[in-house]
C-alpha atoms as a PDB file:
ATOM      1  CA  MET A   1      87.984 143.109  66.527  1.00  0.00           C
ATOM      2  CA  LYS A   2      90.762 141.131  65.583  1.00  0.00           C
ATOM      3  CA  LYS A   3      92.905 141.875  68.308  1.00  0.00           C
ATOM      4  CA  LEU A   4      90.139 141.366  70.941  1.00  0.00           C
ATOM      5  CA  ALA A   5      89.433 137.980  69.972  1.00  0.00           C
ATOM      6  CA  LEU A   6      93.367 136.916  69.871  1.00  0.00           C
ATOM      7  CA  GLY A   7      93.764 138.388  73.358  1.00  0.00           C
ATOM      8  CA  LEU A   8      90.547 136.448  74.672  1.00  0.00           C
ATOM      9  CA  ALA A   9      92.159 133.351  73.210  1.00  0.00           C
ATOM     10  CA  LEU A  10      95.025 133.867  74.410  1.00  0.00           C
ATOM     11  CA  THR A  11      93.803 134.768  78.069  1.00  0.00           C
ATOM     12  CA  GLY A  12      91.648 131.883  77.944  1.00  0.00           C
ATOM     13  CA  MET A  13      94.581 129.330  77.381  1.00  0.00           C
ATOM     14  CA  PHE A  14      96.448 130.795  80.262  1.00  0.00           C
ATOM     15  CA  VAL A  15      93.948 131.745  83.031  1.00  0.00           C
ATOM     16  CA  TRP A  16      95.195 130.127  86.334  1.00  0.00           C
ATOM     17  CA  GLN A  17      92.688 131.466  89.164  1.00  0.00           C
ATOM     18  CA  ALA A  18      93.386 130.859  92.833  1.00  0.00           C
ATOM     19  CA  ASN A  19      90.050 130.423  94.407  1.00  0.00           C
ATOM     20  CA  ALA A  20      88.861 128.085  91.808  1.00  0.00           C
ATOM     21  CA  ILE A  21      86.963 124.963  92.838  1.00  0.00           C
ATOM     22  CA  VAL A  22      88.583 121.915  91.784  1.00  0.00           C
ATOM     23  CA  ALA A  23      87.722 118.166  92.355  1.00  0.00           C
ATOM     24  CA  TYR A  24      90.018 115.118  92.729  1.00  0.00           C
ATOM     25  CA  ASP A  25      89.465 111.151  92.438  1.00  0.00           C
ATOM     26  CA  PHE A  26      91.737 109.481  95.081  1.00  0.00           C
ATOM     27  CA  THR A  27      92.486 105.955  96.089  1.00  0.00           C
ATOM     28  CA  TYR A  28      94.000 104.645  99.136  1.00  0.00           C
ATOM     29  CA  SER A  29      95.452 100.724  99.419  1.00  0.00           C
ATOM     30  CA  ASP A  30      98.004  98.948 101.755  1.00  0.00           C
ATOM     31  CA  ALA A  31      99.571  95.838 102.467  1.00  0.00           C
ATOM     32  CA  GLN A  32      97.453  95.271 105.171  1.00  0.00           C
ATOM     33  CA  GLY A  33      94.539  94.673 102.524  1.00  0.00           C
ATOM     34  CA  ASN A  34      92.744  98.067 103.340  1.00  0.00           C
ATOM     35  CA  ALA A  35      91.731  99.954 100.227  1.00  0.00           C
ATOM     36  CA  ALA A  36      89.268 102.698  99.477  1.00  0.00           C
ATOM     37  CA  ASN A  37      88.628 105.452  96.958  1.00  0.00           C
ATOM     38  CA  GLY A  38      86.567 108.318  96.871  1.00  0.00           C
ATOM     39  CA  LEU A  39      86.064 112.170  95.406  1.00  0.00           C
ATOM     40  CA  LEU A  40      87.473 115.016  96.902  1.00  0.00           C
ATOM     41  CA  THR A  41      86.266 118.744  96.222  1.00  0.00           C
ATOM     42  CA  GLY A  42      87.760 121.903  97.298  1.00  0.00           C
ATOM     43  CA  THR A  43      89.218 125.350  96.646  1.00  0.00           C
ATOM     44  CA  LEU A  44      92.690 126.112  94.889  1.00  0.00           C
ATOM     45  CA  ASN A  45      94.783 128.496  96.921  1.00  0.00           C
ATOM     46  CA  ILE A  46      97.347 130.889  95.530  1.00  0.00           C
ATOM     47  CA  ASP A  47     100.561 128.291  96.788  1.00  0.00           C
ATOM     48  CA  GLY A  48      98.617 125.473  94.613  1.00  0.00           C
ATOM     49  CA  SER A  49      97.646 123.695  97.444  1.00  0.00           C
ATOM     50  CA  VAL A  50      93.746 122.596  97.714  1.00  0.00           C
ATOM     51  CA  THR A  51      91.836 123.446 100.952  1.00  0.00           C
ATOM     52  CA  VAL A  52      89.148 120.416 101.021  1.00  0.00           C
ATOM     53  CA  SER A  53      85.640 121.235 102.033  1.00  0.00           C
ATOM     54  CA  GLY A  54      83.666 118.235 100.730  1.00  0.00           C
ATOM     55  CA  GLY A  55      83.832 114.788  99.487  1.00  0.00           C
ATOM     56  CA  SER A  56      83.483 111.128 100.504  1.00  0.00           C
ATOM     57  CA  LEU A  57      85.512 107.739 101.054  1.00  0.00           C
ATOM     58  CA  THR A  58      84.241 104.507  99.816  1.00  0.00           C
ATOM     59  CA  GLY A  59      85.561 101.655 101.761  1.00  0.00           C
ATOM     60  CA  THR A  60      86.413  98.613  98.819  1.00  0.00           C
ATOM     61  CA  ALA A  61      88.661  95.903 100.620  1.00  0.00           C
ATOM     62  CA  GLY A  62      89.895  95.013 103.983  1.00  0.00           C
ATOM     63  CA  ALA A  63      88.468  96.717 107.474  1.00  0.00           C
ATOM     64  CA  PHE A  64      87.473  99.595 105.171  1.00  0.00           C
ATOM     65  CA  ASN A  65      84.915  97.098 103.215  1.00  0.00           C
ATOM     66  CA  GLY A  66      81.517  98.521 103.176  1.00  0.00           C
ATOM     67  CA  VAL A  67      82.586 102.304 104.747  1.00  0.00           C
ATOM     68  CA  PHE A  68      81.075 104.988 103.425  1.00  0.00           C
ATOM     69  CA  ALA A  69      82.125 108.314 105.058  1.00  0.00           C
ATOM     70  CA  TYR A  70      81.922 111.899 104.375  1.00  0.00           C
ATOM     71  CA  LEU A  71      84.649 114.303 104.675  1.00  0.00           C
ATOM     72  CA  TYR A  72      84.323 115.933 108.269  1.00  0.00           C
ATOM     73  CA  PRO A  73      84.471 119.808 107.573  1.00  0.00           C
ATOM     74  CA  THR A  74      87.104 121.764 109.339  1.00  0.00           C
ATOM     75  CA  PRO A  75      86.474 125.531 108.648  1.00  0.00           C
ATOM     76  CA  GLY A  76      89.282 127.439 108.991  1.00  0.00           C
ATOM     77  CA  ALA A  77      92.230 124.956 109.662  1.00  0.00           C
ATOM     78  CA  ASN A  78      94.973 125.159 107.302  1.00  0.00           C
ATOM     79  CA  TYR A  79      99.049 124.381 107.407  1.00  0.00           C
ATOM     80  CA  GLY A  80     100.111 125.273 110.845  1.00  0.00           C
ATOM     81  CA  ASN A  81      96.851 125.694 112.242  1.00  0.00           C
ATOM     82  CA  PRO A  82      94.967 122.491 112.222  1.00  0.00           C
ATOM     83  CA  ALA A  83      91.654 121.443 113.746  1.00  0.00           C
ATOM     84  CA  SER A  84      90.865 118.777 116.428  1.00  0.00           C
ATOM     85  CA  VAL A  85      88.317 116.109 115.273  1.00  0.00           C
ATOM     86  CA  GLY A  86      87.952 113.689 118.061  1.00  0.00           C
ATOM     87  CA  SER A  87      91.649 112.340 118.908  1.00  0.00           C
ATOM     88  CA  PHE A  88      92.616 113.681 115.364  1.00  0.00           C
ATOM     89  CA  VAL A  89      94.405 116.758 114.309  1.00  0.00           C
ATOM     90  CA  VAL A  90      93.464 117.476 110.884  1.00  0.00           C
ATOM     91  CA  ASP A  91      93.744 120.360 108.534  1.00  0.00           C
ATOM     92  CA  ASN A  92      91.911 118.814 104.868  1.00  0.00           C
ATOM     93  CA  ILE A  93      94.621 120.111 102.513  1.00  0.00           C
ATOM     94  CA  LEU A  94      95.931 118.481  99.457  1.00  0.00           C
ATOM     95  CA  TYR A  95      99.033 119.219  97.844  1.00  0.00           C
ATOM     96  CA  PRO A  96      98.663 118.059  93.994  1.00  0.00           C
ATOM     97  CA  ASN A  97     101.773 119.136  92.932  1.00  0.00           C
ATOM     98  CA  ALA A  98     103.721 117.623  95.624  1.00  0.00           C
ATOM     99  CA  PRO A  99     106.123 115.245  93.397  1.00  0.00           C
ATOM    100  CA  LEU A 100     107.051 118.480  91.625  1.00  0.00           C
ATOM    101  CA  SER A 101     107.584 120.576  94.801  1.00  0.00           C
ATOM    102  CA  SER A 102     110.696 120.883  97.262  1.00  0.00           C
ATOM    103  CA  THR A 103     108.525 121.958  99.956  1.00  0.00           C
ATOM    104  CA  TYR A 104     105.878 119.181  99.899  1.00  0.00           C
ATOM    105  CA  VAL A 105     106.931 115.793  99.661  1.00  0.00           C
ATOM    106  CA  ASN A 106     103.833 113.981  99.779  1.00  0.00           C
ATOM    107  CA  LEU A 107     100.276 114.533  98.526  1.00  0.00           C
ATOM    108  CA  ILE A 108      98.713 115.221 102.109  1.00  0.00           C
ATOM    109  CA  ASP A 109     100.561 116.426 105.023  1.00  0.00           C
ATOM    110  CA  GLN A 110     101.076 114.949 108.892  1.00  0.00           C
ATOM    111  CA  TRP A 111      97.422 116.532 109.684  1.00  0.00           C
ATOM    112  CA  GLY A 112      95.698 114.725 106.525  1.00  0.00           C
ATOM    113  CA  LEU A 113      92.091 114.066 105.687  1.00  0.00           C
ATOM    114  CA  VAL A 114      89.462 112.875 108.158  1.00  0.00           C
ATOM    115  CA  PHE A 115      86.001 111.326 107.204  1.00  0.00           C
ATOM    116  CA  ASN A 116      83.288 110.623 109.374  1.00  0.00           C
ATOM    117  CA  GLN A 117      80.137 107.897 109.297  1.00  0.00           C
ATOM    118  CA  GLY A 118      77.756 108.028 112.149  1.00  0.00           C
ATOM    119  CA  GLY A 119      80.552 109.045 114.702  1.00  0.00           C
ATOM    120  CA  ASN A 120      83.100 106.817 113.482  1.00  0.00           C
ATOM    121  CA  ILE A 121      86.040 108.778 112.591  1.00  0.00           C
ATOM    122  CA  TYR A 122      88.653 107.632 109.325  1.00  0.00           C
ATOM    123  CA  SER A 123      91.910 109.567 109.103  1.00  0.00           C
ATOM    124  CA  ILE A 124      94.418 109.161 106.273  1.00  0.00           C
ATOM    125  CA  TRP A 125      97.874 111.275 106.847  1.00  0.00           C
ATOM    126  CA  ALA A 126     101.120 111.407 105.464  1.00  0.00           C
ATOM    127  CA  GLY A 127     103.427 108.878 107.188  1.00  0.00           C
ATOM    128  CA  SER A 128     106.405 109.404 108.773  1.00  0.00           C
ATOM    129  CA  GLN A 129     109.609 107.478 110.083  1.00  0.00           C
ATOM    130  CA  ALA A 130     108.977 107.796 113.741  1.00  0.00           C
ATOM    131  CA  GLY A 131     105.552 107.028 115.345  1.00  0.00           C
ATOM    132  CA  ASN A 132     103.578 109.018 112.399  1.00  0.00           C
ATOM    133  CA  ASP A 133     104.350 112.334 114.276  1.00  0.00           C
ATOM    134  CA  GLY A 134     104.629 113.823 110.728  1.00  0.00           C
ATOM    135  CA  SER A 135     108.409 115.241 111.624  1.00  0.00           C
ATOM    136  CA  GLN A 136     110.195 113.008 109.170  1.00  0.00           C
ATOM    137  CA  PHE A 137     108.203 112.341 106.310  1.00  0.00           C
ATOM    138  CA  ILE A 138     108.662 109.368 103.769  1.00  0.00           C
ATOM    139  CA  PRO A 139     108.016 110.348 100.507  1.00  0.00           C
ATOM    140  CA  GLY A 140     105.150 108.411  98.855  1.00  0.00           C
ATOM    141  CA  GLU A 141     104.271 107.021 102.214  1.00  0.00           C
ATOM    142  CA  TYR A 142     100.705 107.027 103.804  1.00  0.00           C
ATOM    143  CA  SER A 143      98.854 105.682 106.757  1.00  0.00           C
ATOM    144  CA  ILE A 144      95.020 105.415 107.569  1.00  0.00           C
ATOM    145  CA  GLN A 145      93.449 105.084 111.393  1.00  0.00           C
ATOM    146  CA  ASN A 146      90.203 103.749 112.940  1.00  0.00           C
ATOM    147  CA  GLY A 147      91.441 101.041 114.914  1.00  0.00           C
ATOM    148  CA  PHE A 148      94.049  99.918 112.607  1.00  0.00           C
ATOM    149  CA  THR A 149      97.189 101.295 111.153  1.00  0.00           C
ATOM    150  CA  GLY A 150      98.780 100.631 107.841  1.00  0.00           C
ATOM    151  CA  GLN A 151     101.729 102.590 105.843  1.00  0.00           C
ATOM    152  CA  GLY A 152     100.416 102.536 102.039  1.00  0.00           C
ATOM    153  CA  THR A 153      99.732 104.346  99.114  1.00  0.00           C
ATOM    154  CA  PHE A 154      97.632 107.428  98.008  1.00  0.00           C
ATOM    155  CA  THR A 155      96.639 108.730  94.725  1.00  0.00           C
ATOM    156  CA  LEU A 156      95.000 111.634  93.409  1.00  0.00           C
ATOM    157  CA  THR A 157      93.858 112.438  89.940  1.00  0.00           C
ATOM    158  CA  ALA A 158      92.173 115.302  88.634  1.00  0.00           C
ATOM    159  CA  VAL A 159      88.449 115.612  87.618  1.00  0.00           C
ATOM    160  CA  PRO A 160      88.150 118.217  84.820  1.00  0.00           C
ATOM    161  CA  GLU A 161      85.663 120.764  85.801  1.00  0.00           C
ATOM    162  CA  ALA A 162      83.203 122.062  83.188  1.00  0.00           C
ATOM    163  CA  GLY A 163      84.311 125.559  83.397  1.00  0.00           C
ATOM    164  CA  SER A 164      87.599 124.354  82.127  1.00  0.00           C
ATOM    165  CA  PHE A 165      86.036 122.911  78.822  1.00  0.00           C
ATOM    166  CA  ALA A 166      83.984 126.300  78.536  1.00  0.00           C
ATOM    167  CA  VAL A 167      87.240 128.520  78.956  1.00  0.00           C
ATOM    168  CA  ALA A 168      89.150 125.966  76.310  1.00  0.00           C
ATOM    169  CA  GLY A 169      86.381 126.336  73.989  1.00  0.00           C
ATOM    170  CA  ILE A 170      86.087 129.917  73.675  1.00  0.00           C
ATOM    171  CA  ALA A 171      89.818 130.027  73.309  1.00  0.00           C
ATOM    172  CA  LEU A 172      89.860 127.554  70.223  1.00  0.00           C
ATOM    173  CA  LEU A 173      86.780 129.573  68.993  1.00  0.00           C
ATOM    174  CA  GLY A 174      89.072 132.869  68.995  1.00  0.00           C
ATOM    175  CA  LEU A 175      91.835 131.017  67.475  1.00  0.00           C
ATOM    176  CA  VAL A 176      89.538 129.407  64.807  1.00  0.00           C
ATOM    177  CA  TYR A 177      88.200 132.995  63.941  1.00  0.00           C
ATOM    178  CA  VAL A 178      91.517 134.841  64.214  1.00  0.00           C
ATOM    179  CA  GLY A 179      92.780 131.987  61.806  1.00  0.00           C
ATOM    180  CA  ARG A 180      90.082 132.860  59.179  1.00  0.00           C
ATOM    181  CA  ALA A 181      90.472 136.287  59.246  1.00  0.00           C
ATOM    182  CA  TYR A 182      94.175 135.797  58.360  1.00  0.00           C
ATOM    183  CA  MET A 183      93.297 133.318  55.726  1.00  0.00           C
ATOM    184  CA  GLN A 184      91.148 135.848  54.320  1.00  0.00           C
ATOM    185  CA  LYS A 185      93.120 138.757  54.495  1.00  0.00           C
ATOM    186  CA  LEU A 186      96.215 136.531  52.586  1.00  0.00           C
ATOM    187  CA  LYS A 187      93.250 135.691  49.712  1.00  0.00           C
ATOM    188  CA  LEU A 188      92.592 139.437  49.272  1.00  0.00           C
ATOM    189  CA  ALA A 189      96.401 139.897  48.858  1.00  0.00           C
END
């Protein structure tokens, strides 16, 4: 029983599951005074990227002020296979570990994220040196477009999921149980 409890505790502490649902708060701002924030939810992929399936953008300043838009879903789109949305080509993929990765230098790629508000499309994507075609990424530089373009910053902050707290709680309870059993064993010796 003790070994089972210890096994469950250790498993609970180190479980990493692809296809888990994850959520991120994001912010965007640029030198032109445009600013927005929002929430993105999606599925964690085996390579650490996230396929975003839902979310919203709330404009807080500049040309975005007062905008409230929902993520435009792009089912089946992925890196190398983006979808067309109006005049934009998008994949709605995040790379939350980008600063730690040599493969992805930005949190989103050249196809980026697209939001819709009553037919108005807003896109945020990784900027590039030559014409925002995505061929030469500049680490940490992002662009936004809906009749205006600005080079700005984009941040992601993970939102803890309730299931993560449950797994951590089970792991902690298992460790407490094993610790108490060990202490009782020492008292008997």
